[in-house]
PDB file of N, CA and C in Angstrom:
ATOM      1  N   UNK A   1     -14.256  -4.010 -11.510  1.00  0.00           N
ATOM      2  CA  UNK A   1     -14.900  -2.606 -11.801  1.00  0.00           C
ATOM      3  C   UNK A   1     -13.484  -1.619 -11.971  1.00  0.00           C
ATOM      4  N   UNK A   2     -13.387  -1.399 -12.742  1.00  0.00           N
ATOM      5  CA  UNK A   2     -11.932  -0.229 -12.995  1.00  0.00           C
ATOM      6  C   UNK A   2     -12.240   1.088 -12.585  1.00  0.00           C
ATOM      7  N   UNK A   3     -11.456   1.754 -12.070  1.00  0.00           N
ATOM      8  CA  UNK A   3     -11.683   3.209 -11.811  1.00  0.00           C
ATOM      9  C   UNK A   3     -10.624   4.011 -12.821  1.00  0.00           C
ATOM     10  N   UNK A   4     -11.208   4.909 -13.329  1.00  0.00           N
ATOM     11  CA  UNK A   4     -10.891   5.547 -14.795  1.00  0.00           C
ATOM     12  C   UNK A   4     -10.352   7.023 -14.181  1.00  0.00           C
ATOM     13  N   UNK A   5      -9.525   7.521 -14.739  1.00  0.00           N
ATOM     14  CA  UNK A   5      -9.108   8.921 -14.705  1.00  0.00           C
ATOM     15  C   UNK A   5      -9.284   9.539 -16.000  1.00  0.00           C
ATOM     16  N   UNK A   6      -9.750  11.015 -15.903  1.00  0.00           N
ATOM     17  CA  UNK A   6      -9.771  11.584 -17.242  1.00  0.00           C
ATOM     18  C   UNK A   6      -8.502  12.043 -17.710  1.00  0.00           C
ATOM     19  N   UNK A   7      -7.827  12.452 -18.749  1.00  0.00           N
ATOM     20  CA  UNK A   7      -6.786  12.374 -19.589  1.00  0.00           C
ATOM     21  C   UNK A   7      -7.161  13.417 -20.142  1.00  0.00           C
ATOM     22  N   UNK A   8      -6.093  14.860 -19.705  1.00  0.00           N
ATOM     23  CA  UNK A   8      -5.782  15.733 -20.390  1.00  0.00           C
ATOM     24  C   UNK A   8      -5.548  16.062 -21.756  1.00  0.00           C
ATOM     25  N   UNK A   9      -5.788  17.001 -22.377  1.00  0.00           N
ATOM     26  CA  UNK A   9      -5.956  16.679 -23.753  1.00  0.00           C
ATOM     27  C   UNK A   9      -4.578  17.892 -23.544  1.00  0.00           C
ATOM     28  N   UNK A  10      -3.667  17.866 -25.133  1.00  0.00           N
ATOM     29  CA  UNK A  10      -2.488  18.884 -24.828  1.00  0.00           C
ATOM     30  C   UNK A  10      -2.833  20.283 -24.940  1.00  0.00           C
ATOM     31  N   UNK A  11      -4.316  20.581 -25.396  1.00  0.00           N
ATOM     32  CA  UNK A  11      -4.519  22.055 -25.407  1.00  0.00           C
ATOM     33  C   UNK A  11      -4.839  22.489 -23.823  1.00  0.00           C
ATOM     34  N   UNK A  12      -5.435  21.108 -22.970  1.00  0.00           N
ATOM     35  CA  UNK A  12      -5.616  21.550 -21.799  1.00  0.00           C
ATOM     36  C   UNK A  12      -4.376  21.639 -21.082  1.00  0.00           C
ATOM     37  N   UNK A  13      -3.040  20.763 -21.146  1.00  0.00           N
ATOM     38  CA  UNK A  13      -2.397  21.112 -20.633  1.00  0.00           C
ATOM     39  C   UNK A  13      -1.156  22.502 -20.475  1.00  0.00           C
ATOM     40  N   UNK A  14      -1.802  22.748 -21.324  1.00  0.00           N
ATOM     41  CA  UNK A  14      -0.957  24.392 -21.567  1.00  0.00           C
ATOM     42  C   UNK A  14      -2.087  25.345 -20.418  1.00  0.00           C
ATOM     43  N   UNK A  15      -2.747  24.774 -20.226  1.00  0.00           N
ATOM     44  CA  UNK A  15      -3.430  25.710 -19.004  1.00  0.00           C
ATOM     45  C   UNK A  15      -3.514  25.150 -17.612  1.00  0.00           C
ATOM     46  N   UNK A  16      -2.685  23.652 -17.420  1.00  0.00           N
ATOM     47  CA  UNK A  16      -2.613  23.510 -16.354  1.00  0.00           C
ATOM     48  C   UNK A  16      -1.072  23.858 -15.535  1.00  0.00           C
ATOM     49  N   UNK A  17      -0.959  23.899 -14.123  1.00  0.00           N
ATOM     50  CA  UNK A  17       0.085  24.772 -13.863  1.00  0.00           C
ATOM     51  C   UNK A  17       1.052  23.405 -13.359  1.00  0.00           C
ATOM     52  N   UNK A  18       0.568  21.944 -13.066  1.00  0.00           N
ATOM     53  CA  UNK A  18       1.229  20.633 -12.807  1.00  0.00           C
ATOM     54  C   UNK A  18       0.979  19.634 -13.751  1.00  0.00           C
ATOM     55  N   UNK A  19       1.135  19.626 -14.847  1.00  0.00           N
ATOM     56  CA  UNK A  19       0.878  18.576 -15.741  1.00  0.00           C
ATOM     57  C   UNK A  19       2.076  17.408 -15.631  1.00  0.00           C
ATOM     58  N   UNK A  20       1.751  16.208 -15.504  1.00  0.00           N
ATOM     59  CA  UNK A  20       2.155  15.077 -15.695  1.00  0.00           C
ATOM     60  C   UNK A  20       2.031  14.311 -17.040  1.00  0.00           C
ATOM     61  N   UNK A  21       3.570  13.892 -17.925  1.00  0.00           N
ATOM     62  CA  UNK A  21       3.062  12.797 -19.009  1.00  0.00           C
ATOM     63  C   UNK A  21       3.711  11.393 -18.659  1.00  0.00           C
ATOM     64  N   UNK A  22       2.626  10.457 -18.963  1.00  0.00           N
ATOM     65  CA  UNK A  22       2.808   9.057 -18.695  1.00  0.00           C
ATOM     66  C   UNK A  22       3.375   8.650 -20.004  1.00  0.00           C
ATOM     67  N   UNK A  23       4.766   7.875 -20.036  1.00  0.00           N
ATOM     68  CA  UNK A  23       4.805   7.336 -21.305  1.00  0.00           C
ATOM     69  C   UNK A  23       4.538   6.320 -21.450  1.00  0.00           C
ATOM     70  N   UNK A  24       3.565   5.803 -22.998  1.00  0.00           N
ATOM     71  CA  UNK A  24       2.778   5.108 -23.378  1.00  0.00           C
ATOM     72  C   UNK A  24       4.084   3.846 -24.114  1.00  0.00           C
ATOM     73  N   UNK A  25       3.211   2.770 -24.821  1.00  0.00           N
ATOM     74  CA  UNK A  25       4.082   2.249 -25.575  1.00  0.00           C
ATOM     75  C   UNK A  25       4.713   2.725 -26.588  1.00  0.00           C
ATOM     76  N   UNK A  26       5.226   2.622 -27.752  1.00  0.00           N
ATOM     77  CA  UNK A  26       6.334   3.050 -28.607  1.00  0.00           C
ATOM     78  C   UNK A  26       5.267   3.770 -29.686  1.00  0.00           C
ATOM     79  N   UNK A  27       3.998   2.951 -30.179  1.00  0.00           N
ATOM     80  CA  UNK A  27       3.400   3.076 -30.983  1.00  0.00           C
ATOM     81  C   UNK A  27       2.186   4.441 -30.566  1.00  0.00           C
ATOM     82  N   UNK A  28       2.104   4.662 -29.189  1.00  0.00           N
ATOM     83  CA  UNK A  28       0.861   5.534 -28.934  1.00  0.00           C
ATOM     84  C   UNK A  28       1.757   6.648 -28.125  1.00  0.00           C
ATOM     85  N   UNK A  29       0.545   7.602 -28.462  1.00  0.00           N
ATOM     86  CA  UNK A  29       1.092   9.060 -28.070  1.00  0.00           C
ATOM     87  C   UNK A  29       1.325   9.217 -26.515  1.00  0.00           C
ATOM     88  N   UNK A  30       2.480   9.611 -26.278  1.00  0.00           N
ATOM     89  CA  UNK A  30       2.114  10.056 -24.506  1.00  0.00           C
ATOM     90  C   UNK A  30       1.140  10.445 -23.944  1.00  0.00           C
ATOM     91  N   UNK A  31       0.494  10.208 -23.009  1.00  0.00           N
ATOM     92  CA  UNK A  31      -0.734  10.959 -21.796  1.00  0.00           C
ATOM     93  C   UNK A  31      -0.405  11.687 -21.111  1.00  0.00           C
ATOM     94  N   UNK A  32      -0.818  12.682 -21.316  1.00  0.00           N
ATOM     95  CA  UNK A  32      -0.576  13.785 -19.977  1.00  0.00           C
ATOM     96  C   UNK A  32      -2.074  14.041 -18.912  1.00  0.00           C
ATOM     97  N   UNK A  33      -1.345  13.921 -17.750  1.00  0.00           N
ATOM     98  CA  UNK A  33      -2.570  14.239 -16.766  1.00  0.00           C
ATOM     99  C   UNK A  33      -2.686  15.440 -15.853  1.00  0.00           C
ATOM    100  N   UNK A  34      -3.472  16.028 -15.270  1.00  0.00           N
ATOM    101  CA  UNK A  34      -3.328  17.200 -14.879  1.00  0.00           C
ATOM    102  C   UNK A  34      -2.280  16.829 -13.489  1.00  0.00           C
ATOM    103  N   UNK A  35      -2.902  15.723 -12.659  1.00  0.00           N
ATOM    104  CA  UNK A  35      -2.120  15.709 -11.287  1.00  0.00           C
ATOM    105  C   UNK A  35      -1.979  13.944 -11.158  1.00  0.00           C
ATOM    106  N   UNK A  36      -1.339  13.725 -10.617  1.00  0.00           N
ATOM    107  CA  UNK A  36      -0.781  11.901 -10.875  1.00  0.00           C
ATOM    108  C   UNK A  36      -1.485  11.429  -9.347  1.00  0.00           C
ATOM    109  N   UNK A  37      -2.485  10.317 -10.196  1.00  0.00           N
ATOM    110  CA  UNK A  37      -3.438   9.723  -9.241  1.00  0.00           C
ATOM    111  C   UNK A  37      -2.243   8.467  -7.874  1.00  0.00           C
ATOM    112  N   UNK A  38      -2.881   8.350  -6.963  1.00  0.00           N
ATOM    113  CA  UNK A  38      -2.343   8.059  -6.097  1.00  0.00           C
ATOM    114  C   UNK A  38      -2.023   6.554  -6.250  1.00  0.00           C
ATOM    115  N   UNK A  39      -3.029   5.785  -7.676  1.00  0.00           N
ATOM    116  CA  UNK A  39      -3.086   4.568  -7.233  1.00  0.00           C
ATOM    117  C   UNK A  39      -2.148   4.288  -8.602  1.00  0.00           C
ATOM    118  N   UNK A  40      -0.942   5.464  -9.155  1.00  0.00           N
ATOM    119  CA  UNK A  40      -0.493   5.569 -10.561  1.00  0.00           C
ATOM    120  C   UNK A  40       0.389   3.926 -10.654  1.00  0.00           C
ATOM    121  N   UNK A  41       1.144   3.702  -9.480  1.00  0.00           N
ATOM    122  CA  UNK A  41       1.483   1.951  -9.564  1.00  0.00           C
ATOM    123  C   UNK A  41       1.069   1.374 -10.103  1.00  0.00           C
ATOM    124  N   UNK A  42      -0.294   1.176  -9.846  1.00  0.00           N
ATOM    125  CA  UNK A  42      -1.226   0.002 -10.493  1.00  0.00           C
ATOM    126  C   UNK A  42      -2.037   0.400 -11.786  1.00  0.00           C
ATOM    127  N   UNK A  43      -1.453   1.379 -12.316  1.00  0.00           N
ATOM    128  CA  UNK A  43      -2.484   1.565 -13.535  1.00  0.00           C
ATOM    129  C   UNK A  43      -1.769   1.096 -14.463  1.00  0.00           C
ATOM    130  N   UNK A  44      -2.835   1.548 -15.606  1.00  0.00           N
ATOM    131  CA  UNK A  44      -2.360   1.122 -16.873  1.00  0.00           C
ATOM    132  C   UNK A  44      -2.744   1.493 -18.177  1.00  0.00           C
ATOM    133  N   UNK A  45      -2.696   1.933 -19.119  1.00  0.00           N
ATOM    134  CA  UNK A  45      -3.408   2.841 -20.280  1.00  0.00           C
ATOM    135  C   UNK A  45      -4.329   1.988 -20.865  1.00  0.00           C
ATOM    136  N   UNK A  46      -5.696   2.263 -21.019  1.00  0.00           N
ATOM    137  CA  UNK A  46      -6.651   1.581 -21.881  1.00  0.00           C
ATOM    138  C   UNK A  46      -7.294   2.851 -22.565  1.00  0.00           C
ATOM    139  N   UNK A  47      -7.461   2.708 -23.968  1.00  0.00           N
ATOM    140  CA  UNK A  47      -8.071   3.461 -24.767  1.00  0.00           C
ATOM    141  C   UNK A  47      -8.098   5.008 -24.458  1.00  0.00           C
ATOM    142  N   UNK A  48      -6.630   5.112 -23.859  1.00  0.00           N
ATOM    143  CA  UNK A  48      -6.224   6.671 -24.167  1.00  0.00           C
ATOM    144  C   UNK A  48      -6.471   7.407 -22.445  1.00  0.00           C
ATOM    145  N   UNK A  49      -6.854   6.080 -21.715  1.00  0.00           N
ATOM    146  CA  UNK A  49      -6.870   6.631 -20.242  1.00  0.00           C
ATOM    147  C   UNK A  49      -6.422   5.707 -18.984  1.00  0.00           C
ATOM    148  N   UNK A  50      -5.917   6.292 -18.003  1.00  0.00           N
ATOM    149  CA  UNK A  50      -5.523   5.438 -16.895  1.00  0.00           C
ATOM    150  C   UNK A  50      -6.360   5.010 -16.278  1.00  0.00           C
ATOM    151  N   UNK A  51      -6.325   3.338 -16.228  1.00  0.00           N
ATOM    152  CA  UNK A  51      -7.341   2.311 -15.601  1.00  0.00           C
ATOM    153  C   UNK A  51      -6.740   2.079 -14.199  1.00  0.00           C
ATOM    154  N   UNK A  52      -7.341   1.528 -13.480  1.00  0.00           N
ATOM    155  CA  UNK A  52      -6.904   0.978 -12.147  1.00  0.00           C
ATOM    156  C   UNK A  52      -6.825  -0.543 -12.449  1.00  0.00           C
ATOM    157  N   UNK A  53      -5.772  -1.006 -12.242  1.00  0.00           N
ATOM    158  CA  UNK A  53      -5.762  -2.778 -12.179  1.00  0.00           C
ATOM    159  C   UNK A  53      -6.102  -3.283 -10.988  1.00  0.00           C
ATOM    160  N   UNK A  54      -7.318  -3.935 -10.095  1.00  0.00           N
ATOM    161  CA  UNK A  54      -7.762  -4.134  -9.073  1.00  0.00           C
ATOM    162  C   UNK A  54      -6.727  -5.612  -8.543  1.00  0.00           C
ATOM    163  N   UNK A  55      -6.355  -5.483  -9.276  1.00  0.00           N
ATOM    164  CA  UNK A  55      -5.271  -7.272  -8.857  1.00  0.00           C
ATOM    165  C   UNK A  55      -4.196  -5.978  -8.500  1.00  0.00           C
ATOM    166  N   UNK A  56      -3.651  -5.616  -9.021  1.00  0.00           N
ATOM    167  CA  UNK A  56      -2.474  -4.941  -8.756  1.00  0.00           C
ATOM    168  C   UNK A  56      -2.482  -4.240  -7.737  1.00  0.00           C
ATOM    169  N   UNK A  57      -3.831  -3.373  -7.701  1.00  0.00           N
ATOM    170  CA  UNK A  57      -3.859  -2.848  -6.319  1.00  0.00           C
ATOM    171  C   UNK A  57      -3.850  -3.783  -5.009  1.00  0.00           C
ATOM    172  N   UNK A  58      -4.423  -4.574  -5.124  1.00  0.00           N
ATOM    173  CA  UNK A  58      -4.432  -5.405  -4.057  1.00  0.00           C
ATOM    174  C   UNK A  58      -3.497  -6.366  -3.706  1.00  0.00           C
ATOM    175  N   UNK A  59      -2.444  -6.301  -4.749  1.00  0.00           N
ATOM    176  CA  UNK A  59      -0.857  -6.988  -4.616  1.00  0.00           C
ATOM    177  C   UNK A  59      -0.020  -5.643  -3.837  1.00  0.00           C
ATOM    178  N   UNK A  60      -0.434  -4.730  -4.380  1.00  0.00           N
ATOM    179  CA  UNK A  60       0.459  -3.919  -3.787  1.00  0.00           C
ATOM    180  C   UNK A  60      -0.316  -3.406  -2.090  1.00  0.00           C
ATOM    181  N   UNK A  61      -1.567  -3.312  -1.905  1.00  0.00           N
ATOM    182  CA  UNK A  61      -2.261  -3.350  -0.656  1.00  0.00           C
ATOM    183  C   UNK A  61      -1.472  -4.350   0.362  1.00  0.00           C
ATOM    184  N   UNK A  62      -1.075  -5.646  -0.042  1.00  0.00           N
ATOM    185  CA  UNK A  62      -0.658  -6.844   0.514  1.00  0.00           C
ATOM    186  C   UNK A  62       0.794  -6.162   1.223  1.00  0.00           C
ATOM    187  N   UNK A  63       1.270  -6.467  -0.099  1.00  0.00           N
ATOM    188  CA  UNK A  63       2.809  -5.628   0.054  1.00  0.00           C
ATOM    189  C   UNK A  63       3.225  -4.619   1.539  1.00  0.00           C
ATOM    190  N   UNK A  64       2.236  -3.563   0.902  1.00  0.00           N
ATOM    191  CA  UNK A  64       2.396  -2.377   2.041  1.00  0.00           C
ATOM    192  C   UNK A  64       2.007  -3.090   3.368  1.00  0.00           C
ATOM    193  N   UNK A  65       0.978  -4.083   3.983  1.00  0.00           N
ATOM    194  CA  UNK A  65       0.577  -4.515   5.107  1.00  0.00           C
ATOM    195  C   UNK A  65       1.654  -5.302   5.780  1.00  0.00           C
ATOM    196  N   UNK A  66       2.529  -6.320   4.857  1.00  0.00           N
ATOM    197  CA  UNK A  66       3.538  -6.974   5.172  1.00  0.00           C
ATOM    198  C   UNK A  66       4.875  -6.181   5.638  1.00  0.00           C
ATOM    199  N   UNK A  67       5.144  -5.245   5.046  1.00  0.00           N
ATOM    200  CA  UNK A  67       6.171  -4.106   5.385  1.00  0.00           C
ATOM    201  C   UNK A  67       5.730  -3.437   7.186  1.00  0.00           C
ATOM    202  N   UNK A  68       4.579  -3.167   7.170  1.00  0.00           N
ATOM    203  CA  UNK A  68       3.863  -2.473   8.329  1.00  0.00           C
ATOM    204  C   UNK A  68       3.904  -3.618   9.559  1.00  0.00           C
ATOM    205  N   UNK A  69       3.304  -4.929   9.296  1.00  0.00           N
ATOM    206  CA  UNK A  69       3.866  -5.923   9.782  1.00  0.00           C
ATOM    207  C   UNK A  69       5.070  -6.247  10.413  1.00  0.00           C
ATOM    208  N   UNK A  70       5.926  -6.370   9.611  1.00  0.00           N
ATOM    209  CA  UNK A  70       7.223  -6.331   9.666  1.00  0.00           C
ATOM    210  C   UNK A  70       8.215  -5.220  10.722  1.00  0.00           C
ATOM    211  N   UNK A  71       7.478  -3.988  10.511  1.00  0.00           N
ATOM    212  CA  UNK A  71       7.752  -2.485  11.387  1.00  0.00           C
ATOM    213  C   UNK A  71       7.851  -2.941  12.834  1.00  0.00           C
ATOM    214  N   UNK A  72       6.053  -3.531  12.877  1.00  0.00           N
ATOM    215  CA  UNK A  72       5.811  -3.521  14.040  1.00  0.00           C
ATOM    216  C   UNK A  72       6.846  -4.906  15.069  1.00  0.00           C
ATOM    217  N   UNK A  73       6.498  -6.028  14.220  1.00  0.00           N
ATOM    218  CA  UNK A  73       7.064  -6.906  14.933  1.00  0.00           C
ATOM    219  C   UNK A  73       8.873  -6.516  15.207  1.00  0.00           C
ATOM    220  N   UNK A  74       9.756  -5.336  14.373  1.00  0.00           N
ATOM    221  CA  UNK A  74      10.526  -5.549  15.361  1.00  0.00           C
ATOM    222  C   UNK A  74      10.697  -4.466  15.825  1.00  0.00           C
ATOM    223  N   UNK A  75       9.611  -3.277  16.090  1.00  0.00           N
ATOM    224  CA  UNK A  75       9.462  -2.424  17.304  1.00  0.00           C
ATOM    225  C   UNK A  75       9.341  -3.251  18.626  1.00  0.00           C
ATOM    226  N   UNK A  76       8.563  -4.589  18.516  1.00  0.00           N
ATOM    227  CA  UNK A  76       8.014  -5.198  19.753  1.00  0.00           C
ATOM    228  C   UNK A  76       9.081  -6.047  20.183  1.00  0.00           C
ATOM    229  N   UNK A  77      10.092  -6.323  19.516  1.00  0.00           N
ATOM    230  CA  UNK A  77      11.452  -7.264  20.023  1.00  0.00           C
ATOM    231  C   UNK A  77      11.901  -6.510  20.910  1.00  0.00           C
ATOM    232  N   UNK A  78      11.979  -5.258  21.290  1.00  0.00           N
ATOM    233  CA  UNK A  78      12.697  -4.326  22.694  1.00  0.00           C
ATOM    234  C   UNK A  78      11.964  -4.705  23.638  1.00  0.00           C
ATOM    235  N   UNK A  79      10.409  -4.208  23.810  1.00  0.00           N
ATOM    236  CA  UNK A  79       9.715  -4.184  25.149  1.00  0.00           C
ATOM    237  C   UNK A  79       9.560  -6.047  25.363  1.00  0.00           C
ATOM    238  N   UNK A  80       9.624  -7.088  24.765  1.00  0.00           N
ATOM    239  CA  UNK A  80       9.168  -8.116  24.788  1.00  0.00           C
ATOM    240  C   UNK A  80      10.656  -8.651  25.797  1.00  0.00           C
ATOM    241  N   UNK A  81      11.740  -8.584  25.441  1.00  0.00           N
ATOM    242  CA  UNK A  81      13.250  -8.768  25.488  1.00  0.00           C
ATOM    243  C   UNK A  81      13.116  -8.174  26.914  1.00  0.00           C
ATOM    244  N   UNK A  82      12.674  -6.714  27.208  1.00  0.00           N
ATOM    245  CA  UNK A  82      13.012  -6.259  28.163  1.00  0.00           C
ATOM    246  C   UNK A  82      12.043  -6.826  29.427  1.00  0.00           C
ATOM    247  N   UNK A  83      10.807  -7.136  29.040  1.00  0.00           N
ATOM    248  CA  UNK A  83      10.154  -7.634  30.236  1.00  0.00           C
ATOM    249  C   UNK A  83      10.965  -9.119  30.881  1.00  0.00           C
ATOM    250  N   UNK A  84      11.299  -9.965  29.726  1.00  0.00           N
ATOM    251  CA  UNK A  84      12.248 -11.248  30.183  1.00  0.00           C
ATOM    252  C   UNK A  84      13.017 -10.970  31.015  1.00  0.00           C
ATOM    253  N   UNK A  85      14.049 -10.284  30.705  1.00  0.00           N
ATOM    254  CA  UNK A  85      15.330  -9.727  31.087  1.00  0.00           C
ATOM    255  C   UNK A  85      15.005  -9.149  32.780  1.00  0.00           C
ATOM    256  N   UNK A  86      13.762  -8.501  32.767  1.00  0.00           N
ATOM    257  CA  UNK A  86      13.228  -8.548  34.265  1.00  0.00           C
ATOM    258  C   UNK A  86      12.416  -8.860  34.775  1.00  0.00           C
ATOM    259  N   UNK A  87      12.036 -10.502  34.237  1.00  0.00           N
ATOM    260  CA  UNK A  87      11.448 -11.501  34.939  1.00  0.00           C
ATOM    261  C   UNK A  87       9.886 -11.015  34.997  1.00  0.00           C
ATOM    262  N   UNK A  88       9.278 -10.286  34.363  1.00  0.00           N
ATOM    263  CA  UNK A  88       7.695  -9.973  33.784  1.00  0.00           C
ATOM    264  C   UNK A  88       7.324 -11.022  33.007  1.00  0.00           C
ATOM    265  N   UNK A  89       7.119 -12.067  33.631  1.00  0.00           N
ATOM    266  CA  UNK A  89       6.789 -13.370  32.871  1.00  0.00           C
ATOM    267  C   UNK A  89       5.503 -12.793  31.724  1.00  0.00           C
ATOM    268  N   UNK A  90       4.287 -13.018  32.494  1.00  0.00           N
ATOM    269  CA  UNK A  90       3.084 -12.375  32.177  1.00  0.00           C
ATOM    270  C   UNK A  90       3.173 -11.309  30.889  1.00  0.00           C
ATOM    271  N   UNK A  91       4.276 -10.212  31.231  1.00  0.00           N
ATOM    272  CA  UNK A  91       4.162  -9.107  30.104  1.00  0.00           C
ATOM    273  C   UNK A  91       4.899  -9.768  28.792  1.00  0.00           C
ATOM    274  N   UNK A  92       5.982 -10.724  29.282  1.00  0.00           N
ATOM    275  CA  UNK A  92       6.608 -11.224  27.989  1.00  0.00           C
ATOM    276  C   UNK A  92       5.772 -12.031  27.096  1.00  0.00           C
ATOM    277  N   UNK A  93       5.296 -13.095  27.989  1.00  0.00           N
ATOM    278  CA  UNK A  93       3.962 -13.834  27.261  1.00  0.00           C
ATOM    279  C   UNK A  93       3.150 -12.931  26.758  1.00  0.00           C
ATOM    280  N   UNK A  94       2.381 -11.792  26.900  1.00  0.00           N
ATOM    281  CA  UNK A  94       1.685 -10.878  26.194  1.00  0.00           C
ATOM    282  C   UNK A  94       2.806 -10.422  25.087  1.00  0.00           C
ATOM    283  N   UNK A  95       3.687 -10.174  25.077  1.00  0.00           N
ATOM    284  CA  UNK A  95       4.123  -9.580  23.842  1.00  0.00           C
ATOM    285  C   UNK A  95       4.458 -10.648  22.876  1.00  0.00           C
ATOM    286  N   UNK A  96       4.800 -11.818  23.058  1.00  0.00           N
ATOM    287  CA  UNK A  96       5.155 -13.225  22.402  1.00  0.00           C
ATOM    288  C   UNK A  96       3.590 -13.238  21.947  1.00  0.00           C
ATOM    289  N   UNK A  97       2.707 -13.170  22.432  1.00  0.00           N
ATOM    290  CA  UNK A  97       0.815 -13.861  21.721  1.00  0.00           C
ATOM    291  C   UNK A  97       0.864 -12.181  20.493  1.00  0.00           C
ATOM    292  N   UNK A  98       1.598 -11.034  20.850  1.00  0.00           N
ATOM    293  CA  UNK A  98       1.325  -9.944  20.098  1.00  0.00           C
ATOM    294  C   UNK A  98       1.900 -10.383  18.832  1.00  0.00           C
ATOM    295  N   UNK A  99       3.172 -10.571  18.935  1.00  0.00           N
ATOM    296  CA  UNK A  99       4.103 -10.682  17.827  1.00  0.00           C
ATOM    297  C   UNK A  99       3.959 -12.177  16.853  1.00  0.00           C
ATOM    298  N   UNK A 100       2.747 -12.959  17.747  1.00  0.00           N
ATOM    299  CA  UNK A 100       2.078 -13.958  16.777  1.00  0.00           C
ATOM    300  C   UNK A 100       1.155 -13.570  15.768  1.00  0.00           C
ATOM    301  N   UNK A 101      -0.035 -12.607  16.843  1.00  0.00           N
ATOM    302  CA  UNK A 101      -1.304 -11.897  15.773  1.00  0.00           C
ATOM    303  C   UNK A 101      -0.264 -11.383  14.823  1.00  0.00           C
ATOM    304  N   UNK A 102       0.569 -10.367  15.056  1.00  0.00           N
ATOM    305  CA  UNK A 102       1.161  -9.975  13.809  1.00  0.00           C
ATOM    306  C   UNK A 102       1.580 -10.589  12.865  1.00  0.00           C
ATOM    307  N   UNK A 103       2.193 -11.901  13.075  1.00  0.00           N
ATOM    308  CA  UNK A 103       2.612 -12.920  12.017  1.00  0.00           C
ATOM    309  C   UNK A 103       1.152 -13.266  11.177  1.00  0.00           C
ATOM    310  N   UNK A 104      -0.044 -13.288  11.554  1.00  0.00           N
ATOM    311  CA  UNK A 104      -0.926 -13.817  11.548  1.00  0.00           C
ATOM    312  C   UNK A 104      -1.443 -12.827  10.535  1.00  0.00           C
ATOM    313  N   UNK A 105      -1.483 -11.642  10.404  1.00  0.00           N
ATOM    314  CA  UNK A 105      -2.068 -10.835   9.763  1.00  0.00           C
ATOM    315  C   UNK A 105      -1.992 -10.927   8.295  1.00  0.00           C
ATOM    316  N   UNK A 106      -1.236 -11.516   7.480  1.00  0.00           N
ATOM    317  CA  UNK A 106      -1.428 -11.472   6.216  1.00  0.00           C
ATOM    318  C   UNK A 106      -2.625 -12.644   6.022  1.00  0.00           C
ATOM    319  N   UNK A 107      -2.834 -13.345   7.026  1.00  0.00           N
ATOM    320  CA  UNK A 107      -3.567 -14.644   6.689  1.00  0.00           C
ATOM    321  C   UNK A 107      -5.510 -14.169   6.445  1.00  0.00           C
ATOM    322  N   UNK A 108      -5.222 -12.755   6.914  1.00  0.00           N
ATOM    323  CA  UNK A 108      -6.610 -12.602   6.996  1.00  0.00           C
ATOM    324  C   UNK A 108      -7.238 -12.295   5.379  1.00  0.00           C
ATOM    325  N   UNK A 109      -8.557 -12.119   5.158  1.00  0.00           N
ATOM    326  CA  UNK A 109      -9.261 -12.195   3.748  1.00  0.00           C
ATOM    327  C   UNK A 109      -9.116 -10.993   2.972  1.00  0.00           C
ATOM    328  N   UNK A 110      -9.026  -9.841   3.903  1.00  0.00           N
ATOM    329  CA  UNK A 110      -9.395  -8.605   3.030  1.00  0.00           C
ATOM    330  C   UNK A 110      -8.452  -7.536   3.106  1.00  0.00           C
ATOM    331  N   UNK A 111      -7.517  -7.106   2.122  1.00  0.00           N
ATOM    332  CA  UNK A 111      -6.015  -6.351   2.270  1.00  0.00           C
ATOM    333  C   UNK A 111      -6.761  -5.095   3.124  1.00  0.00           C
ATOM    334  N   UNK A 112      -7.801  -4.467   2.555  1.00  0.00           N
ATOM    335  CA  UNK A 112      -8.436  -3.182   2.465  1.00  0.00           C
ATOM    336  C   UNK A 112      -9.018  -3.016   3.655  1.00  0.00           C
ATOM    337  N   UNK A 113      -9.383  -4.246   4.348  1.00  0.00           N
ATOM    338  CA  UNK A 113      -9.928  -3.854   6.214  1.00  0.00           C
ATOM    339  C   UNK A 113      -9.549  -4.683   7.288  1.00  0.00           C
ATOM    340  N   UNK A 114      -7.766  -4.618   7.274  1.00  0.00           N
ATOM    341  CA  UNK A 114      -7.160  -5.322   8.061  1.00  0.00           C
ATOM    342  C   UNK A 114      -7.287  -5.226   9.608  1.00  0.00           C
ATOM    343  N   UNK A 115      -7.425  -5.921  10.403  1.00  0.00           N
ATOM    344  CA  UNK A 115      -7.645  -5.562  11.780  1.00  0.00           C
ATOM    345  C   UNK A 115      -6.392  -6.048  12.134  1.00  0.00           C
ATOM    346  N   UNK A 116      -5.857  -5.180  13.343  1.00  0.00           N
ATOM    347  CA  UNK A 116      -4.589  -5.150  13.511  1.00  0.00           C
ATOM    348  C   UNK A 116      -4.593  -5.479  14.872  1.00  0.00           C
ATOM    349  N   UNK A 117      -3.631  -6.461  15.729  1.00  0.00           N
ATOM    350  CA  UNK A 117      -3.602  -6.527  17.232  1.00  0.00           C
ATOM    351  C   UNK A 117      -2.982  -5.433  17.984  1.00  0.00           C
ATOM    352  N   UNK A 118      -3.492  -5.431  18.772  1.00  0.00           N
ATOM    353  CA  UNK A 118      -3.499  -4.066  20.050  1.00  0.00           C
ATOM    354  C   UNK A 118      -2.093  -4.820  20.875  1.00  0.00           C
ATOM    355  N   UNK A 119      -0.985  -3.880  21.011  1.00  0.00           N
ATOM    356  CA  UNK A 119       0.109  -4.405  21.746  1.00  0.00           C
ATOM    357  C   UNK A 119      -0.119  -4.105  22.987  1.00  0.00           C
ATOM    358  N   UNK A 120       0.593  -4.875  24.042  1.00  0.00           N
ATOM    359  CA  UNK A 120       0.268  -5.216  25.489  1.00  0.00           C
ATOM    360  C   UNK A 120       0.459  -3.608  26.234  1.00  0.00           C
TER     361      UNK A 120
END
């Protein structure tokens, strides 16, 4: 299933305060939309309309999940190291298991329903 966005005509452009021009193929006329859709990076033009490509949207979601996972891994390094340095073995192990769980996040099936592990 594709999500479609209404494309403004050039006449409507004159009434719009914030138009955006989306360049198309050389043999096509540029498309003008009143507002840029959130999914623009995963859209393509089809019959004069912007169409969301579900595969590209899923790929982008997985990329964002890996970015978030990496951020959380970096943030968890310091507390784990502090727990290790203070001799708090139980807390250090809890942080290590948290990091393992973070590394397993991309193994989940649905990028739009991710279950994130809870930090210790």
